[in-house]
Amino acid sequence: MASRVSDDFVRQLKGFCLTTAEILYRLPDYRLILQTYIWQDYDLAPEFPVLHKFLDFWNASLDGPLHSVRVAHVRLIRPAEIRTVKAQFALH
């Protein structure tokens, strides 16, 4: 049975990193009250095109106007951490 490689793992090998954004937005009916939304996905730093696409959707489709966005990211897999396997041994 052949194993399938995770799509997230393949994206990490292409340079995507786990990105978390803390989004503060104003409630539509009570503009003085701020609410927090946490967004997380794999994205390309430092441009963050996936996050920008989400924020564009937010501005176009949702009523709560954005107050601020705080971004953190970490590269989970680095090229130096991946090595090719030169041999495989099977034990009974």
N, C-alpha and C. Protein backbone atom coordinates (compact mmCIF):
# COMPACT_ATOMS: atom_id res chain seq x y z
N MET A 1 0.84 -1.17 0.00
CA MET A 1 0.00 0.00 0.00
C MET A 1 0.89 1.24 0.00
N ALA A 2 0.72 2.09 -0.99
CA ALA A 2 1.54 3.30 -1.12
C ALA A 2 0.99 4.38 -0.21
N SER A 3 1.90 5.06 0.48
CA SER A 3 1.46 6.15 1.35
C SER A 3 1.45 7.45 0.56
N ARG A 4 0.52 8.31 0.89
CA ARG A 4 0.36 9.59 0.22
C ARG A 4 0.98 10.66 1.11
N VAL A 5 1.75 11.55 0.50
CA VAL A 5 2.39 12.63 1.24
C VAL A 5 1.36 13.72 1.52
N SER A 6 1.37 14.25 2.71
CA SER A 6 0.45 15.30 3.12
C SER A 6 0.63 16.55 2.25
N ASP A 7 -0.48 17.16 1.86
CA ASP A 7 -0.43 18.40 1.09
C ASP A 7 0.26 19.51 1.87
N ASP A 8 0.04 19.57 3.18
CA ASP A 8 0.68 20.58 4.02
C ASP A 8 2.20 20.39 4.03
N PHE A 9 2.66 19.14 4.05
CA PHE A 9 4.09 18.86 4.03
C PHE A 9 4.71 19.33 2.71
N VAL A 10 4.03 19.06 1.61
CA VAL A 10 4.52 19.49 0.29
C VAL A 10 4.59 21.01 0.23
N ARG A 11 3.58 21.69 0.77
CA ARG A 11 3.59 23.15 0.79
C ARG A 11 4.76 23.69 1.61
N GLN A 12 5.07 23.03 2.71
CA GLN A 12 6.20 23.47 3.54
C GLN A 12 7.51 23.32 2.78
N LEU A 13 7.65 22.26 2.00
CA LEU A 13 8.86 22.08 1.20
C LEU A 13 8.99 23.15 0.13
N LYS A 14 7.87 23.72 -0.30
CA LYS A 14 7.89 24.79 -1.30
C LYS A 14 8.11 26.17 -0.69
N GLY A 15 8.30 26.24 0.64
CA GLY A 15 8.60 27.51 1.28
C GLY A 15 7.47 28.11 2.09
N PHE A 16 6.32 27.46 2.12
CA PHE A 16 5.22 27.98 2.92
C PHE A 16 5.52 27.78 4.40
N CYS A 17 5.07 28.69 5.23
CA CYS A 17 5.27 28.58 6.67
C CYS A 17 3.93 28.73 7.37
N LEU A 18 3.84 28.16 8.56
CA LEU A 18 2.61 28.27 9.33
C LEU A 18 2.47 29.71 9.81
N THR A 19 1.37 30.33 9.43
CA THR A 19 1.13 31.74 9.72
C THR A 19 -0.12 31.88 10.57
N THR A 20 0.00 32.65 11.64
CA THR A 20 -1.13 32.93 12.51
C THR A 20 -1.35 34.44 12.54
N ALA A 21 -2.61 34.85 12.37
CA ALA A 21 -2.94 36.28 12.41
C ALA A 21 -4.00 36.50 13.49
N GLU A 22 -3.73 37.47 14.35
CA GLU A 22 -4.72 37.91 15.32
C GLU A 22 -5.40 39.14 14.72
N ILE A 23 -6.66 38.99 14.40
CA ILE A 23 -7.40 40.06 13.73
C ILE A 23 -8.35 40.70 14.75
N LEU A 24 -8.18 41.99 14.96
CA LEU A 24 -9.11 42.76 15.79
C LEU A 24 -10.04 43.51 14.85
N TYR A 25 -11.33 43.37 15.12
CA TYR A 25 -12.31 44.07 14.28
C TYR A 25 -13.40 44.66 15.16
N ARG A 26 -14.08 45.64 14.61
CA ARG A 26 -15.17 46.32 15.33
C ARG A 26 -16.48 45.60 15.06
N LEU A 27 -17.30 45.47 16.09
CA LEU A 27 -18.61 44.86 15.90
C LEU A 27 -19.46 45.76 15.01
N PRO A 28 -20.24 45.20 14.10
CA PRO A 28 -21.02 46.03 13.17
C PRO A 28 -22.00 46.97 13.86
N ASP A 29 -22.67 46.51 14.91
CA ASP A 29 -23.68 47.34 15.58
C ASP A 29 -23.14 48.18 16.72
N TYR A 30 -21.98 47.82 17.25
CA TYR A 30 -21.37 48.53 18.38
C TYR A 30 -19.91 48.81 18.04
N ARG A 31 -19.67 49.86 17.29
CA ARG A 31 -18.34 50.14 16.73
C ARG A 31 -17.26 50.40 17.79
N LEU A 32 -17.64 50.69 19.01
CA LEU A 32 -16.64 50.92 20.05
C LEU A 32 -16.12 49.62 20.66
N ILE A 33 -16.78 48.51 20.38
CA ILE A 33 -16.37 47.21 20.93
C ILE A 33 -15.53 46.46 19.91
N LEU A 34 -14.36 45.97 20.38
CA LEU A 34 -13.47 45.18 19.52
C LEU A 34 -13.64 43.70 19.81
N GLN A 35 -13.59 42.90 18.76
CA GLN A 35 -13.67 41.45 18.87
C GLN A 35 -12.40 40.87 18.26
N THR A 36 -11.98 39.70 18.73
CA THR A 36 -10.77 39.05 18.22
C THR A 36 -11.15 37.85 17.38
N TYR A 37 -10.43 37.68 16.26
CA TYR A 37 -10.57 36.50 15.41
C TYR A 37 -9.16 35.98 15.14
N ILE A 38 -8.94 34.68 15.33
CA ILE A 38 -7.64 34.08 15.07
C ILE A 38 -7.72 33.31 13.76
N TRP A 39 -6.81 33.62 12.83
CA TRP A 39 -6.74 32.97 11.52
C TRP A 39 -5.41 32.24 11.44
N GLN A 40 -5.42 31.02 10.87
CA GLN A 40 -4.18 30.26 10.74
C GLN A 40 -4.21 29.45 9.45
N ASP A 41 -3.11 29.51 8.69
CA ASP A 41 -2.98 28.77 7.44
C ASP A 41 -1.50 28.76 7.06
N TYR A 42 -1.15 28.02 6.02
CA TYR A 42 0.20 28.05 5.49
C TYR A 42 0.28 29.15 4.46
N ASP A 43 1.33 29.98 4.56
CA ASP A 43 1.45 31.15 3.70
C ASP A 43 2.92 31.41 3.41
N LEU A 44 3.19 32.27 2.43
CA LEU A 44 4.55 32.63 2.04
C LEU A 44 4.95 33.96 2.66
N ALA A 45 5.94 33.92 3.55
CA ALA A 45 6.44 35.15 4.17
C ALA A 45 7.44 35.78 3.22
N PRO A 46 7.61 37.06 3.16
CA PRO A 46 6.96 38.11 3.94
C PRO A 46 5.76 38.74 3.22
N GLU A 47 5.39 38.26 2.02
CA GLU A 47 4.28 38.88 1.30
C GLU A 47 2.92 38.45 1.83
N PHE A 48 2.79 37.21 2.31
CA PHE A 48 1.55 36.64 2.86
C PHE A 48 0.37 36.77 1.90
N PRO A 49 0.45 36.18 0.70
CA PRO A 49 -0.65 36.31 -0.26
C PRO A 49 -1.95 35.64 0.20
N VAL A 50 -1.87 34.53 0.93
CA VAL A 50 -3.07 33.84 1.40
C VAL A 50 -3.79 34.71 2.43
N LEU A 51 -3.04 35.31 3.34
CA LEU A 51 -3.63 36.20 4.34
C LEU A 51 -4.26 37.42 3.67
N HIS A 52 -3.57 38.00 2.70
CA HIS A 52 -4.11 39.17 2.01
C HIS A 52 -5.41 38.81 1.28
N LYS A 53 -5.47 37.62 0.69
CA LYS A 53 -6.70 37.19 0.03
C LYS A 53 -7.85 37.08 1.04
N PHE A 54 -7.54 36.52 2.23
CA PHE A 54 -8.56 36.42 3.27
C PHE A 54 -9.02 37.80 3.74
N LEU A 55 -8.08 38.72 3.94
CA LEU A 55 -8.44 40.06 4.40
C LEU A 55 -9.23 40.82 3.34
N ASP A 56 -8.91 40.60 2.06
CA ASP A 56 -9.70 41.22 0.99
C ASP A 56 -11.13 40.69 1.01
N PHE A 57 -11.27 39.36 1.23
CA PHE A 57 -12.60 38.78 1.36
C PHE A 57 -13.34 39.40 2.55
N TRP A 58 -12.64 39.54 3.67
CA TRP A 58 -13.25 40.13 4.87
C TRP A 58 -13.80 41.52 4.56
N ASN A 59 -12.95 42.36 3.97
CA ASN A 59 -13.37 43.74 3.67
C ASN A 59 -14.53 43.80 2.69
N ALA A 60 -14.58 42.87 1.75
CA ALA A 60 -15.63 42.90 0.73
C ALA A 60 -16.93 42.27 1.21
N SER A 61 -16.87 41.29 2.12
CA SER A 61 -18.05 40.49 2.43
C SER A 61 -18.60 40.63 3.85
N LEU A 62 -17.79 41.05 4.80
CA LEU A 62 -18.23 41.08 6.19
C LEU A 62 -18.46 42.52 6.66
N ASP A 63 -19.36 42.67 7.62
CA ASP A 63 -19.74 44.01 8.09
C ASP A 63 -18.81 44.58 9.15
N GLY A 64 -18.10 43.74 9.89
CA GLY A 64 -17.23 44.23 10.95
C GLY A 64 -15.94 44.80 10.39
N PRO A 65 -15.74 46.13 10.45
CA PRO A 65 -14.52 46.72 9.90
C PRO A 65 -13.28 46.33 10.70
N LEU A 66 -12.18 46.11 9.99
CA LEU A 66 -10.92 45.72 10.62
C LEU A 66 -10.35 46.88 11.43
N HIS A 67 -9.81 46.54 12.58
CA HIS A 67 -9.10 47.51 13.42
C HIS A 67 -7.60 47.33 13.26
N SER A 68 -7.13 46.08 13.44
CA SER A 68 -5.70 45.80 13.31
C SER A 68 -5.49 44.31 13.06
N VAL A 69 -4.31 44.00 12.52
CA VAL A 69 -3.93 42.61 12.26
C VAL A 69 -2.50 42.43 12.74
N ARG A 70 -2.29 41.42 13.59
CA ARG A 70 -0.95 41.09 14.08
C ARG A 70 -0.59 39.71 13.56
N VAL A 71 0.58 39.58 12.92
CA VAL A 71 0.96 38.35 12.23
C VAL A 71 2.20 37.73 12.88
N ALA A 72 2.15 36.41 13.03
CA ALA A 72 3.31 35.63 13.48
C ALA A 72 3.45 34.45 12.54
N HIS A 73 4.69 34.07 12.24
CA HIS A 73 4.89 32.91 11.37
C HIS A 73 6.14 32.16 11.80
N VAL A 74 6.15 30.89 11.48
CA VAL A 74 7.30 30.06 11.78
C VAL A 74 7.46 29.04 10.67
N ARG A 75 8.69 28.87 10.24
CA ARG A 75 9.00 27.87 9.22
C ARG A 75 9.24 26.55 9.95
N LEU A 76 8.32 25.61 9.80
CA LEU A 76 8.39 24.35 10.54
C LEU A 76 9.45 23.41 10.00
N ILE A 77 9.63 23.40 8.70
CA ILE A 77 10.62 22.51 8.08
C ILE A 77 11.61 23.38 7.34
N ARG A 78 12.88 23.17 7.63
CA ARG A 78 13.93 23.91 6.96
C ARG A 78 14.70 22.94 6.06
N PRO A 79 15.27 23.44 4.96
CA PRO A 79 15.99 22.54 4.05
C PRO A 79 17.09 21.72 4.73
N ALA A 80 17.74 22.28 5.74
CA ALA A 80 18.82 21.56 6.41
C ALA A 80 18.30 20.36 7.22
N GLU A 81 17.01 20.32 7.51
CA GLU A 81 16.46 19.25 8.32
C GLU A 81 16.02 18.04 7.50
N ILE A 82 16.08 18.13 6.18
CA ILE A 82 15.62 17.05 5.33
C ILE A 82 16.83 16.39 4.68
N ARG A 83 16.92 15.06 4.82
CA ARG A 83 18.01 14.31 4.21
C ARG A 83 17.42 13.17 3.40
N THR A 84 18.11 12.79 2.35
CA THR A 84 17.65 11.66 1.56
C THR A 84 18.10 10.37 2.24
N VAL A 85 17.33 9.33 2.06
CA VAL A 85 17.66 8.03 2.64
C VAL A 85 18.54 7.29 1.65
N LYS A 86 19.71 6.82 2.11
CA LYS A 86 20.65 6.14 1.24
C LYS A 86 20.47 4.63 1.28
N ALA A 87 19.89 4.13 2.35
CA ALA A 87 19.72 2.69 2.47
C ALA A 87 18.51 2.41 3.35
N GLN A 88 17.93 1.24 3.13
CA GLN A 88 16.80 0.83 3.94
C GLN A 88 17.04 -0.62 4.34
N PHE A 89 16.88 -0.90 5.64
CA PHE A 89 17.11 -2.25 6.15
C PHE A 89 15.81 -2.78 6.74
N ALA A 90 15.57 -4.05 6.53
CA ALA A 90 14.37 -4.68 7.10
C ALA A 90 14.83 -5.75 8.11
N LEU A 91 14.24 -5.71 9.30
CA LEU A 91 14.53 -6.70 10.31
C LEU A 91 13.31 -7.57 10.51
N HIS A 92 13.54 -8.82 10.82
CA HIS A 92 12.42 -9.75 11.03
C HIS A 92 11.67 -9.43 12.28
